[in-house]
Amino acid sequence: MNKETDIPVKEKNIVLIGFMGVGKTTVGQLIANKLNRDFIDIDQYIEEKYNMPIPQMFKELGEQHFRKIEKETVIDICKNQHDKIVSLGGGAFQQEEIRETCLTSSFVLFLDLSWDSWKERMDILVDNRPVLHNRTLDEIHELFEKRQLAYSKHHLKIRTDDQTPEEVADSIVNKLKYRDM
């Protein structure tokens, strides 16, 4: 038996994963309110800690350096804090160490959105997502598909197409009630 995996969900962090723009931050805040837990958005946490927006970090430090900071931050929070709702950046779960840490020490929720639904949101997302800059729609679709493999490793998947953030949060809370909450 693994000490970390035997911890009930009600005592674990709940980590939200999914492609950028799926609604992890919005839904995460709603879940945190409904479950009376603290909410941590990893990107916002990093921006505050380093006093620099993520797009600027990508530009000045490079994606590789940002991913290192991201990995250290996620692993530290997942191993040393509990009872939090944690929203990961869209690319964080691609890192094996982050994925393994989250899957063993937290409860991982995959917010799934179809490509067609995501495309409808694209115009409002591109400016604040440095990984999308200077990419064609085909290249973004390729990135979307590539990330689905990592996202397939989760404890619970929630389809978000045609649902409001409130409906998604309610669905998650209801599903968690049937666990050991």
Protein backbone atom coordinates (compact mmCIF):
# COMPACT_ATOMS: atom_id res chain seq x y z
CA MET A 1 0.00 0.00 0.00
CA ASN A 2 1.17 3.49 -0.86
CA LYS A 3 0.75 5.98 1.98
CA GLU A 4 -0.07 8.86 -0.40
CA THR A 5 -2.59 7.00 -2.56
CA ASP A 6 -4.46 5.70 0.52
CA ILE A 7 -5.36 9.23 1.65
CA PRO A 8 -9.11 9.92 1.17
CA VAL A 9 -10.07 12.44 -1.53
CA LYS A 10 -11.50 14.77 1.12
CA GLU A 11 -7.96 15.24 2.49
CA LYS A 12 -6.13 15.47 -0.86
CA ASN A 13 -5.55 18.35 -3.19
CA ILE A 14 -7.87 18.26 -6.18
CA VAL A 15 -5.82 19.10 -9.28
CA LEU A 16 -7.52 20.35 -12.44
CA ILE A 17 -5.90 19.56 -15.78
CA GLY A 18 -6.92 20.24 -19.37
CA PHE A 19 -6.04 22.26 -22.43
CA MET A 20 -5.59 26.01 -22.06
CA GLY A 21 -8.86 27.89 -22.05
CA VAL A 22 -10.98 24.93 -20.94
CA GLY A 23 -11.99 26.79 -17.77
CA LYS A 24 -9.72 25.30 -15.11
CA THR A 25 -9.36 28.57 -13.19
CA THR A 26 -13.04 29.53 -13.31
CA VAL A 27 -14.27 26.03 -12.46
CA GLY A 28 -11.55 25.61 -9.84
CA GLN A 29 -12.64 28.77 -8.02
CA LEU A 30 -16.26 27.58 -8.05
CA ILE A 31 -15.32 24.13 -6.70
CA ALA A 32 -13.17 25.71 -4.00
CA ASN A 33 -16.12 27.84 -2.87
CA LYS A 34 -18.53 24.89 -2.91
CA LEU A 35 -16.14 22.64 -0.96
CA ASN A 36 -14.85 25.42 1.31
CA ARG A 37 -11.24 24.94 0.21
CA ASP A 38 -8.47 27.31 -0.81
CA PHE A 39 -7.84 27.73 -4.53
CA ILE A 40 -4.39 27.94 -6.15
CA ASP A 41 -3.95 28.78 -9.82
CA ILE A 42 -0.38 27.69 -10.55
CA ASP A 43 0.18 30.30 -13.28
CA GLN A 44 -1.09 33.13 -11.05
CA TYR A 45 0.96 31.79 -8.14
CA ILE A 46 4.13 31.82 -10.28
CA GLU A 47 3.36 35.29 -11.66
CA GLU A 48 2.97 36.66 -8.12
CA LYS A 49 6.04 34.88 -6.78
CA TYR A 50 8.29 36.10 -9.62
CA ASN A 51 6.48 39.42 -10.13
CA MET A 52 6.29 38.78 -13.87
CA PRO A 53 3.45 37.74 -16.21
CA ILE A 54 3.83 34.32 -17.85
CA PRO A 55 4.12 35.75 -21.41
CA GLN A 56 7.01 37.93 -20.22
CA MET A 57 8.65 34.93 -18.51
CA PHE A 58 8.45 32.98 -21.78
CA LYS A 59 9.98 35.91 -23.65
CA GLU A 60 12.74 36.81 -21.19
CA LEU A 61 13.56 33.47 -19.55
CA GLY A 62 12.43 31.01 -22.22
CA GLU A 63 9.88 28.22 -22.07
CA GLN A 64 12.39 25.70 -20.70
CA HIS A 65 13.20 27.87 -17.67
CA PHE A 66 9.50 28.56 -17.07
CA ARG A 67 8.75 24.80 -17.18
CA LYS A 68 11.45 24.22 -14.54
CA ILE A 69 9.88 26.83 -12.26
CA GLU A 70 6.45 25.36 -12.94
CA LYS A 71 7.62 21.84 -12.07
CA GLU A 72 9.23 22.93 -8.79
CA THR A 73 6.11 24.90 -7.83
CA VAL A 74 3.59 22.14 -8.61
CA ILE A 75 5.61 19.43 -6.88
CA ASP A 76 6.13 21.61 -3.79
CA ILE A 77 2.42 22.43 -3.51
CA CYS A 78 1.25 18.87 -4.16
CA LYS A 79 3.64 17.35 -1.63
CA ASN A 80 3.45 19.98 1.10
CA GLN A 81 -0.09 21.34 1.03
CA HIS A 82 -3.43 19.57 1.38
CA ASP A 83 -7.15 20.26 0.94
CA LYS A 84 -6.52 22.70 -1.92
CA ILE A 85 -8.09 23.03 -5.34
CA VAL A 86 -5.14 23.45 -7.73
CA SER A 87 -5.42 24.57 -11.35
CA LEU A 88 -2.44 23.63 -13.54
CA GLY A 89 -1.40 25.49 -16.66
CA GLY A 90 -2.36 23.67 -19.87
CA GLY A 91 1.17 22.40 -20.52
CA ALA A 92 2.17 21.46 -16.97
CA PHE A 93 0.83 17.90 -17.06
CA GLN A 94 3.11 17.15 -20.04
CA GLN A 95 6.00 16.97 -17.59
CA GLU A 96 6.34 13.42 -16.29
CA GLU A 97 7.42 14.43 -12.77
CA ILE A 98 4.42 16.72 -12.39
CA ARG A 99 2.08 14.06 -13.75
CA GLU A 100 3.41 11.33 -11.43
CA THR A 101 3.40 13.59 -8.36
CA CYS A 102 -0.16 14.74 -9.00
CA LEU A 103 -1.45 11.24 -9.70
CA THR A 104 0.07 9.79 -6.52
CA SER A 105 -0.49 12.63 -4.05
CA SER A 106 -3.64 14.35 -5.35
CA PHE A 107 -6.98 13.66 -7.02
CA VAL A 108 -6.66 14.62 -10.70
CA LEU A 109 -9.70 15.93 -12.60
CA PHE A 110 -9.46 16.24 -16.38
CA LEU A 111 -11.68 18.99 -17.79
CA ASP A 112 -12.25 17.76 -21.33
CA LEU A 113 -13.37 20.03 -24.16
CA SER A 114 -13.77 19.05 -27.79
CA TRP A 115 -11.57 20.68 -30.42
CA ASP A 116 -14.61 22.26 -32.10
CA SER A 117 -15.73 23.86 -28.84
CA TRP A 118 -12.19 25.01 -28.08
CA LYS A 119 -11.88 26.69 -31.50
CA GLU A 120 -14.89 28.85 -30.61
CA ARG A 121 -12.87 30.26 -27.68
CA MET A 122 -9.59 30.65 -29.54
CA ASP A 123 -9.85 34.35 -30.39
CA ILE A 124 -10.07 35.35 -26.73
CA LEU A 125 -7.20 33.05 -25.73
CA VAL A 126 -4.35 33.66 -28.17
CA ASP A 127 -3.03 36.97 -26.81
CA ASN A 128 -2.42 35.68 -23.27
CA ARG A 129 -1.12 32.23 -24.19
CA PRO A 130 2.50 32.51 -25.37
CA VAL A 131 2.59 28.89 -26.53
CA LEU A 132 -0.05 29.83 -29.15
CA HIS A 133 1.79 32.84 -30.55
CA ASN A 134 2.83 32.53 -34.20
CA ARG A 135 1.13 29.12 -34.62
CA THR A 136 -1.27 28.19 -37.37
CA LEU A 137 -4.62 26.59 -36.56
CA ASP A 138 -3.22 23.24 -37.74
CA GLU A 139 -0.23 23.59 -35.39
CA ILE A 140 -2.51 24.44 -32.47
CA HIS A 141 -4.70 21.43 -33.30
CA GLU A 142 -1.59 19.24 -33.31
CA LEU A 143 -0.63 20.62 -29.86
CA PHE A 144 -4.20 19.97 -28.64
CA GLU A 145 -4.06 16.34 -29.81
CA LYS A 146 -0.55 15.80 -28.43
CA ARG A 147 -1.58 16.97 -24.97
CA GLN A 148 -4.62 14.67 -24.89
CA LEU A 149 -2.30 11.70 -24.27
CA ALA A 150 -0.99 13.16 -21.00
CA TYR A 151 -4.47 14.30 -19.98
CA SER A 152 -5.73 10.73 -20.42
CA LYS A 153 -3.98 9.88 -17.15
CA HIS A 154 -6.43 11.14 -14.51
CA HIS A 155 -8.78 9.98 -11.77
CA LEU A 156 -11.95 11.57 -13.17
CA LYS A 157 -12.86 13.08 -16.55
CA ILE A 158 -15.54 15.73 -16.91
CA ARG A 159 -16.86 16.73 -20.35
CA THR A 160 -17.34 20.49 -20.46
CA ASP A 161 -18.88 20.99 -23.92
CA ASP A 162 -22.15 22.95 -23.84
CA GLN A 163 -21.99 23.48 -20.07
CA THR A 164 -21.54 26.64 -18.04
CA PRO A 165 -18.70 26.75 -15.51
CA GLU A 166 -21.33 26.52 -12.74
CA GLU A 167 -22.79 23.35 -14.29
CA VAL A 168 -19.32 21.81 -14.60
CA ALA A 169 -18.49 22.67 -10.97
CA ASP A 170 -21.82 21.23 -9.75
CA SER A 171 -21.19 18.04 -11.73
CA ILE A 172 -17.74 17.67 -10.17
CA VAL A 173 -18.98 18.28 -6.63
CA ASN A 174 -21.79 15.73 -7.14
CA LYS A 175 -19.38 13.12 -8.48
CA LEU A 176 -17.00 13.72 -5.58
CA LYS A 177 -19.84 13.12 -3.11
CA TYR A 178 -19.97 9.52 -4.33
CA ARG A 179 -16.30 9.16 -3.51
CA ASP A 180 -15.11 9.43 0.08
CA MET A 181 -15.86 13.12 0.50
